[in-house]
N, C-alpha and C. Protein backbone atom coordinates (compact mmCIF):
# COMPACT_ATOMS: atom_id res chain seq x y z
N ASP A 1 113.05 116.52 94.09
CA ASP A 1 113.31 115.53 95.01
C ASP A 1 112.41 114.61 95.54
N GLN A 2 110.77 115.03 95.32
CA GLN A 2 110.04 113.84 95.44
C GLN A 2 109.44 113.31 94.45
N VAL A 3 109.50 112.31 94.16
CA VAL A 3 109.15 111.26 93.40
C VAL A 3 107.82 110.39 93.15
N GLY A 4 107.24 110.50 92.18
CA GLY A 4 105.71 109.43 92.62
C GLY A 4 105.27 108.99 91.16
N CYS A 5 104.05 108.56 91.28
CA CYS A 5 103.31 108.26 90.05
C CYS A 5 102.02 108.95 89.79
N PRO A 6 102.27 109.99 88.95
CA PRO A 6 100.93 110.80 88.68
C PRO A 6 99.88 109.93 88.22
N THR A 7 98.33 110.15 88.88
CA THR A 7 97.52 109.35 88.40
C THR A 7 96.25 110.24 88.25
N SER A 8 95.68 109.94 86.93
CA SER A 8 94.27 110.96 86.80
C SER A 8 93.15 110.20 87.63
N ALA A 9 92.31 111.18 88.28
CA ALA A 9 91.07 110.56 89.03
C ALA A 9 90.22 110.17 88.03
N LEU A 10 90.13 110.23 86.67
CA LEU A 10 89.21 109.71 85.67
C LEU A 10 89.77 108.29 85.32
N ASP A 11 91.07 108.07 85.50
CA ASP A 11 91.64 106.87 85.46
C ASP A 11 90.99 105.91 86.32
N LEU A 12 91.48 106.30 87.72
CA LEU A 12 91.17 105.62 88.80
C LEU A 12 89.75 105.20 88.73
N ALA A 13 89.06 106.17 88.42
CA ALA A 13 87.39 105.97 88.50
C ALA A 13 87.21 104.61 87.62
N ASP A 14 87.69 104.85 86.15
CA ASP A 14 87.68 103.67 85.34
C ASP A 14 87.94 102.26 85.88
N ALA A 15 89.04 102.33 86.74
CA ALA A 15 89.57 101.09 87.20
C ALA A 15 88.23 100.64 88.27
N ILE A 16 87.84 101.23 89.15
CA ILE A 16 87.05 100.93 90.31
C ILE A 16 85.60 100.47 89.73
N LEU A 17 85.40 101.09 88.49
CA LEU A 17 84.38 100.73 87.78
C LEU A 17 84.41 99.28 87.02
N LEU A 18 85.64 98.99 86.73
CA LEU A 18 85.84 97.76 86.22
C LEU A 18 85.69 96.71 87.46
N VAL A 19 86.15 96.83 88.34
CA VAL A 19 86.10 96.13 89.41
C VAL A 19 84.84 95.91 89.86
N ALA A 20 83.97 97.11 89.95
CA ALA A 20 82.60 97.05 90.50
C ALA A 20 81.76 96.20 89.49
N GLU A 21 81.83 96.46 88.36
CA GLU A 21 81.40 95.64 87.10
C GLU A 21 81.49 94.01 87.24
N ARG A 22 82.66 93.88 87.65
CA ARG A 22 83.14 92.57 87.44
C ARG A 22 82.44 91.68 88.99
N TRP A 23 82.55 92.37 89.88
CA TRP A 23 81.98 91.81 91.02
C TRP A 23 80.45 91.87 90.95
N ARG A 24 79.78 92.66 90.26
CA ARG A 24 78.48 92.91 90.11
C ARG A 24 77.69 91.67 89.14
N SER A 25 78.81 91.32 88.44
CA SER A 25 78.39 90.16 87.43
C SER A 25 78.46 88.79 88.03
N GLY A 26 78.94 88.74 89.40
CA GLY A 26 79.14 87.71 90.13
C GLY A 26 80.37 86.96 90.17
N ASP A 27 81.27 87.61 89.74
CA ASP A 27 82.83 87.25 89.86
C ASP A 27 83.19 87.94 91.10
N ARG A 28 83.47 87.25 92.23
CA ARG A 28 84.10 87.78 93.37
C ARG A 28 85.46 87.52 93.60
N THR A 29 86.06 87.10 92.38
CA THR A 29 87.63 87.09 92.50
C THR A 29 88.25 88.21 93.31
N HIS A 30 89.16 87.94 94.27
CA HIS A 30 89.95 89.03 94.82
C HIS A 30 88.95 89.85 95.54
N LEU A 31 87.91 89.65 96.12
CA LEU A 31 87.15 90.38 96.98
C LEU A 31 87.65 90.63 98.02
N GLY A 32 87.60 91.66 98.73
CA GLY A 32 88.28 92.17 99.78
C GLY A 32 89.86 92.24 100.14
N ARG A 33 90.31 92.19 98.86
CA ARG A 33 91.97 92.48 98.88
C ARG A 33 92.32 93.96 98.78
N THR A 34 93.46 94.51 99.27
CA THR A 34 93.81 95.68 98.95
C THR A 34 94.87 95.81 98.10
N TYR A 35 94.66 96.50 97.11
CA TYR A 35 95.72 97.11 95.96
C TYR A 35 96.15 98.44 95.90
N HIS A 36 97.59 98.81 95.47
CA HIS A 36 97.93 99.90 95.24
C HIS A 36 97.77 99.90 93.43
N LEU A 37 97.24 101.43 93.14
CA LEU A 37 97.06 101.46 91.79
C LEU A 37 97.25 102.91 91.76
N CYS A 38 98.03 103.22 90.41
CA CYS A 38 98.43 104.21 90.18
C CYS A 38 98.81 104.35 88.58
N GLY A 39 99.12 105.66 88.18
CA GLY A 39 99.51 105.65 86.88
C GLY A 39 100.95 104.67 86.50
N THR A 40 101.37 104.43 85.38
CA THR A 40 102.65 103.72 85.10
C THR A 40 103.74 104.89 85.08
N GLY A 41 104.93 104.53 84.86
CA GLY A 41 106.04 105.83 85.04
C GLY A 41 106.01 106.43 86.19
N LYS A 42 107.23 107.15 86.54
CA LYS A 42 107.20 107.96 87.41
C LYS A 42 107.93 109.22 87.21
N CYS A 43 107.98 110.50 88.08
CA CYS A 43 108.30 111.35 87.76
C CYS A 43 108.26 112.41 89.22
N SER A 44 109.00 113.52 89.15
CA SER A 44 109.39 114.29 90.13
C SER A 44 107.78 115.31 90.02
N TRP A 45 107.75 115.95 91.03
CA TRP A 45 106.71 117.04 90.71
C TRP A 45 106.92 118.08 89.90
N ALA A 46 108.26 118.21 89.83
CA ALA A 46 108.83 119.30 88.87
C ALA A 46 108.55 118.69 87.60
N GLU A 47 108.85 117.67 87.36
CA GLU A 47 108.56 117.02 85.84
C GLU A 47 107.21 117.08 85.34
N PHE A 48 106.12 116.63 86.37
CA PHE A 48 104.73 116.53 86.33
C PHE A 48 104.12 117.69 85.99
N ALA A 49 104.79 118.99 86.72
CA ALA A 49 104.26 120.36 86.08
C ALA A 49 104.60 120.77 85.04
N ALA A 50 106.19 120.41 84.44
CA ALA A 50 106.61 120.81 83.38
C ALA A 50 105.35 120.25 82.16
N GLU A 51 105.18 118.80 82.21
CA GLU A 51 104.45 117.99 81.56
C GLU A 51 103.22 118.87 81.32
N ILE A 52 102.58 119.07 82.23
CA ILE A 52 101.27 119.72 82.26
C ILE A 52 101.19 120.76 81.60
N PHE A 53 102.21 121.84 81.91
CA PHE A 53 102.19 123.00 81.01
C PHE A 53 102.57 122.63 79.62
N ARG A 54 103.54 121.69 79.20
CA ARG A 54 103.86 121.42 77.76
C ARG A 54 102.53 120.96 76.98
N VAL A 55 101.74 120.09 77.67
CA VAL A 55 100.60 119.52 76.82
C VAL A 55 99.59 120.82 76.86
N SER A 56 99.41 121.72 77.92
CA SER A 56 98.45 122.79 78.08
C SER A 56 98.98 123.48 76.76
N GLY A 57 100.26 123.82 76.71
CA GLY A 57 100.60 124.72 75.35
C GLY A 57 100.19 124.13 74.10
N THR A 58 100.56 122.97 73.87
CA THR A 58 99.92 122.33 72.56
C THR A 58 98.57 122.52 72.46
N LEU A 59 97.57 122.56 73.21
CA LEU A 59 96.42 122.81 73.28
C LEU A 59 95.72 124.34 73.35
N GLY A 60 96.62 125.23 73.32
CA GLY A 60 96.38 126.63 73.27
C GLY A 60 96.30 127.23 74.72
N GLY A 61 96.16 126.24 75.47
CA GLY A 61 96.38 126.87 76.97
C GLY A 61 97.34 127.53 77.69
N PRO A 62 97.29 127.76 78.83
CA PRO A 62 98.54 128.53 79.37
C PRO A 62 99.83 127.74 79.40
N VAL A 63 100.77 128.49 79.45
CA VAL A 63 102.18 127.59 79.46
C VAL A 63 102.91 128.62 80.50
N ALA A 64 103.99 127.82 81.44
CA ALA A 64 104.84 128.36 82.11
C ALA A 64 105.99 127.76 82.30
N HIS A 65 106.83 128.56 82.75
CA HIS A 65 108.24 128.00 82.97
C HIS A 65 108.43 127.26 84.62
N VAL A 66 108.52 126.23 84.65
CA VAL A 66 108.67 125.46 85.94
C VAL A 66 110.23 125.35 86.19
N ARG A 67 110.49 125.89 87.49
CA ARG A 67 111.54 126.02 88.32
C ARG A 67 111.61 125.20 89.39
N PRO A 68 112.42 123.93 89.24
CA PRO A 68 112.21 122.85 90.23
C PRO A 68 113.19 123.30 91.43
N ILE A 69 112.54 122.85 92.77
CA ILE A 69 113.71 123.38 94.05
C ILE A 69 113.59 122.15 94.96
N PRO A 70 114.38 122.02 95.65
CA PRO A 70 114.39 120.82 96.65
C PRO A 70 113.44 121.02 97.67
N THR A 71 112.92 120.29 98.24
CA THR A 71 112.04 119.80 99.18
C THR A 71 112.14 121.22 100.28
N SER A 72 113.33 120.94 100.73
CA SER A 72 113.94 122.06 101.88
C SER A 72 114.03 123.35 101.84
N GLN A 73 113.71 123.68 100.39
CA GLN A 73 113.27 125.24 100.10
C GLN A 73 111.80 125.53 99.98
N PHE A 74 111.10 124.56 100.31
CA PHE A 74 109.48 124.64 100.45
C PHE A 74 108.78 123.97 101.35
N PRO A 75 109.03 124.26 102.59
CA PRO A 75 108.51 123.68 103.79
C PRO A 75 107.34 123.67 104.00
N THR A 76 106.66 122.64 104.59
CA THR A 76 105.40 122.32 104.62
C THR A 76 105.32 121.79 106.11
N ARG A 77 104.00 121.80 106.88
CA ARG A 77 103.79 121.21 107.85
C ARG A 77 103.88 119.49 107.81
N ALA A 78 103.18 119.23 106.81
CA ALA A 78 103.44 117.59 106.71
C ALA A 78 104.73 117.21 105.78
N ARG A 79 105.23 116.14 106.39
CA ARG A 79 106.68 115.62 105.96
C ARG A 79 106.10 114.70 104.91
N ARG A 80 106.51 114.77 103.44
CA ARG A 80 106.49 114.07 102.38
C ARG A 80 107.53 113.15 102.24
N PRO A 81 107.03 112.01 101.75
CA PRO A 81 108.29 110.93 101.40
C PRO A 81 109.05 111.49 100.04
N SER A 82 110.17 111.14 99.89
CA SER A 82 110.96 111.83 98.57
C SER A 82 110.55 110.58 97.58
N TRP A 83 110.33 109.33 97.83
CA TRP A 83 110.01 108.26 97.01
C TRP A 83 108.46 107.88 97.20
N SER A 84 107.41 107.90 96.55
CA SER A 84 106.23 107.39 97.04
C SER A 84 105.62 106.87 95.46
N VAL A 85 106.50 106.16 94.92
CA VAL A 85 106.23 105.37 93.59
C VAL A 85 105.62 103.86 94.35
N LEU A 86 104.39 103.57 93.55
CA LEU A 86 103.45 102.34 93.95
C LEU A 86 103.72 101.24 93.17
N ASP A 87 103.54 100.18 93.41
CA ASP A 87 103.68 98.85 92.60
C ASP A 87 102.33 98.43 92.42
N SER A 88 101.63 98.52 91.20
CA SER A 88 100.25 98.16 90.83
C SER A 88 100.08 96.92 90.02
N SER A 89 101.37 95.97 90.14
CA SER A 89 101.37 94.75 89.56
C SER A 89 100.35 93.83 89.90
N ALA A 90 99.79 93.87 91.13
CA ALA A 90 99.07 92.82 91.62
C ALA A 90 97.77 93.20 90.93
N PHE A 91 97.22 94.53 91.08
CA PHE A 91 95.97 94.70 90.43
C PHE A 91 96.14 94.59 88.80
N ARG A 92 97.10 94.90 88.24
CA ARG A 92 97.23 94.33 86.85
C ARG A 92 97.26 93.39 86.26
N ARG A 93 97.69 92.14 87.34
CA ARG A 93 97.88 90.87 87.28
C ARG A 93 96.34 90.19 87.37
N GLU A 94 95.69 90.92 88.47
CA GLU A 94 94.40 90.33 88.78
C GLU A 94 93.15 90.74 88.18
N PHE A 95 93.39 92.17 87.71
CA PHE A 95 92.17 92.57 86.84
C PHE A 95 92.48 92.88 85.51
N GLY A 96 93.94 92.85 84.92
CA GLY A 96 94.07 93.09 83.49
C GLY A 96 93.91 94.35 82.90
N LEU A 97 94.03 95.28 83.96
CA LEU A 97 94.15 96.74 83.52
C LEU A 97 95.38 97.36 83.63
N ASP A 98 96.09 97.89 82.48
CA ASP A 98 97.26 98.79 82.62
C ASP A 98 96.67 100.22 82.81
N MET A 99 97.08 100.90 83.77
CA MET A 99 97.14 102.38 83.80
C MET A 99 97.74 102.98 82.91
N PRO A 100 97.47 104.40 82.38
CA PRO A 100 98.14 105.10 81.52
C PRO A 100 99.32 105.74 82.19
N ASP A 101 100.35 105.97 81.38
CA ASP A 101 101.72 106.54 81.69
C ASP A 101 101.36 108.23 82.05
N VAL A 102 102.43 108.62 82.73
CA VAL A 102 102.62 110.01 83.35
C VAL A 102 102.14 110.86 82.34
N PRO A 103 102.47 111.08 81.05
CA PRO A 103 101.89 111.96 80.02
C PRO A 103 100.34 111.83 80.03
N ALA A 104 99.62 110.88 79.97
CA ALA A 104 98.30 110.74 79.86
C ALA A 104 97.63 111.35 80.81
N ALA A 105 98.28 111.09 82.11
CA ALA A 105 97.86 111.48 83.46
C ALA A 105 97.89 113.11 83.46
N ALA A 106 98.87 113.80 82.81
CA ALA A 106 99.23 114.96 82.83
C ALA A 106 98.20 116.01 81.90
N ALA A 107 97.68 115.20 81.19
CA ALA A 107 96.92 115.97 80.14
C ALA A 107 95.81 117.07 81.07
N PRO A 108 95.82 118.22 80.56
CA PRO A 108 95.13 119.22 81.30
C PRO A 108 93.86 119.25 80.73
N ALA A 109 93.31 118.64 79.52
CA ALA A 109 92.07 118.71 79.24
C ALA A 109 91.97 117.27 78.80
N ARG A 110 90.74 116.78 78.98
CA ARG A 110 90.10 115.46 78.66
C ARG A 110 89.04 115.59 77.82
N PRO A 111 88.69 114.81 76.82
CA PRO A 111 87.24 114.73 76.27
C PRO A 111 86.31 114.54 76.95
N ALA A 112 85.17 115.35 76.93
CA ALA A 112 84.13 115.34 77.87
C ALA A 112 82.91 115.40 76.97
N ALA A 113 81.80 114.98 77.53
CA ALA A 113 80.67 114.90 76.57
C ALA A 113 80.21 116.12 75.79
N ASP A 114 80.55 117.33 76.70
CA ASP A 114 80.00 118.55 76.18
C ASP A 114 81.53 119.57 75.73
N GLY A 115 82.41 118.77 75.38
CA GLY A 115 83.81 119.54 74.89
C GLY A 115 85.15 118.95 75.63
N PHE A 116 85.71 119.97 76.17
CA PHE A 116 86.86 119.62 76.84
C PHE A 116 86.76 120.48 78.19
N VAL A 117 87.35 119.63 79.43
CA VAL A 117 87.33 120.08 80.56
C VAL A 117 88.77 120.75 80.78
N PRO A 118 88.94 122.20 80.62
CA PRO A 118 90.38 122.77 80.70
C PRO A 118 91.13 122.91 81.97
N LEU A 119 92.19 122.81 82.24
CA LEU A 119 93.15 123.30 83.35
C LEU A 119 92.98 124.92 83.13
N VAL A 120 92.73 125.45 84.48
CA VAL A 120 92.74 126.94 84.51
C VAL A 120 93.49 127.28 85.79
N LEU A 121 94.39 128.41 85.59
CA LEU A 121 95.18 128.79 86.64
C LEU A 121 95.14 130.44 86.47
N LEU A 122 94.66 130.85 87.38
CA LEU A 122 94.48 132.15 87.83
C LEU A 122 94.91 132.79 89.08
N GLY A 123 95.61 133.77 88.94
CA GLY A 123 96.19 134.41 90.31
C GLY A 123 97.21 133.49 90.80
N GLU A 124 97.44 133.40 91.97
CA GLU A 124 98.08 132.60 92.71
C GLU A 124 97.52 131.36 93.30
N VAL A 125 97.88 130.12 93.04
CA VAL A 125 97.38 129.06 93.88
C VAL A 125 98.11 128.24 94.45
N SER A 126 98.04 127.80 95.59
CA SER A 126 98.95 126.69 96.13
C SER A 126 98.02 125.47 95.85
N CYS A 127 98.95 124.50 95.33
CA CYS A 127 98.39 123.25 94.92
C CYS A 127 98.75 122.05 96.06
N GLY A 128 97.95 121.93 97.13
CA GLY A 128 98.15 120.96 98.14
C GLY A 128 99.74 121.15 98.83
N GLY A 129 100.19 122.25 98.79
CA GLY A 129 101.36 122.58 99.81
C GLY A 129 102.55 121.86 98.66
N ARG A 130 102.39 121.63 97.59
CA ARG A 130 103.43 121.20 96.97
C ARG A 130 103.76 122.27 95.67
N ALA A 131 103.08 122.99 95.34
CA ALA A 131 103.52 123.83 94.14
C ALA A 131 102.87 125.17 94.48
N THR A 132 103.30 126.23 94.08
CA THR A 132 102.55 127.73 94.05
C THR A 132 102.73 128.08 92.43
N VAL A 133 101.41 128.48 92.03
CA VAL A 133 101.57 128.79 90.50
C VAL A 133 101.35 130.49 90.80
N ARG A 134 102.27 131.03 90.18
CA ARG A 134 102.35 132.74 90.18
C ARG A 134 102.06 133.03 88.57
N ARG A 135 101.11 133.59 88.35
CA ARG A 135 100.51 134.04 86.94
C ARG A 135 100.80 135.54 86.84
N SER A 136 101.43 135.92 86.03
CA SER A 136 101.55 137.35 85.49
C SER A 136 101.19 137.44 84.21
N ALA A 137 100.96 138.59 83.56
CA ALA A 137 100.44 138.83 82.34
C ALA A 137 101.65 138.27 81.53
N ALA A 138 103.21 138.67 81.72
CA ALA A 138 104.04 138.09 81.08
C ALA A 138 104.42 136.75 80.67
N ARG A 139 104.56 136.05 81.98
CA ARG A 139 105.13 134.74 81.94
C ARG A 139 104.71 133.87 83.34
N PRO A 140 103.58 133.08 83.27
CA PRO A 140 103.69 132.28 84.50
C PRO A 140 104.63 131.51 84.99
N THR A 141 104.95 131.28 86.24
CA THR A 141 105.98 130.89 86.83
C THR A 141 105.53 129.53 87.92
N VAL A 142 106.02 128.18 87.74
CA VAL A 142 105.58 127.33 88.81
C VAL A 142 106.70 127.34 89.67
N VAL A 143 106.51 127.25 90.84
CA VAL A 143 107.54 126.98 91.81
C VAL A 143 107.18 125.48 92.49
N THR A 144 107.97 124.67 92.11
CA THR A 144 107.25 123.23 92.83
C THR A 144 108.77 122.11 93.21
N THR A 145 108.34 121.46 94.48
CA THR A 145 109.14 120.74 94.91
C THR A 145 109.50 119.46 93.84
N GLY A 146 110.77 118.87 94.11
CA GLY A 146 111.01 118.09 93.22
C GLY A 146 112.03 118.37 92.27
N MET A 147 113.02 117.73 91.93
CA MET A 147 114.15 118.23 91.11
C MET A 147 114.20 117.20 90.05
């Protein structure tokens, strides 16, 4: 029941570098404006976690069953909005960059100069108060808010 637009930090860095390069070259268009920028598409935290493990499995990485639960069953100190989908159309229109969709942002491994950067899940990890990964020898389970 929490929906947003997952975004890769690598994709955000590419967008920031695009803007910085444009400004460095003398094109000061849109300087000083504030933009929303996120991946295209939307999904719940549970859908995002399921996609991460789906992609991980195709790459030979860890897999897990994702069990969605409502936010009310995973209380945190911080109140989280149920809808945090951002509109990036102004950035797309003014800078001509389309951000990747959710599956691309969910990829647990990205090509790197020296190979792949893998997603590693060991033990029990709390992910920003939104999910807990419990890894057992038999089958890891992710309990995440969002249905």
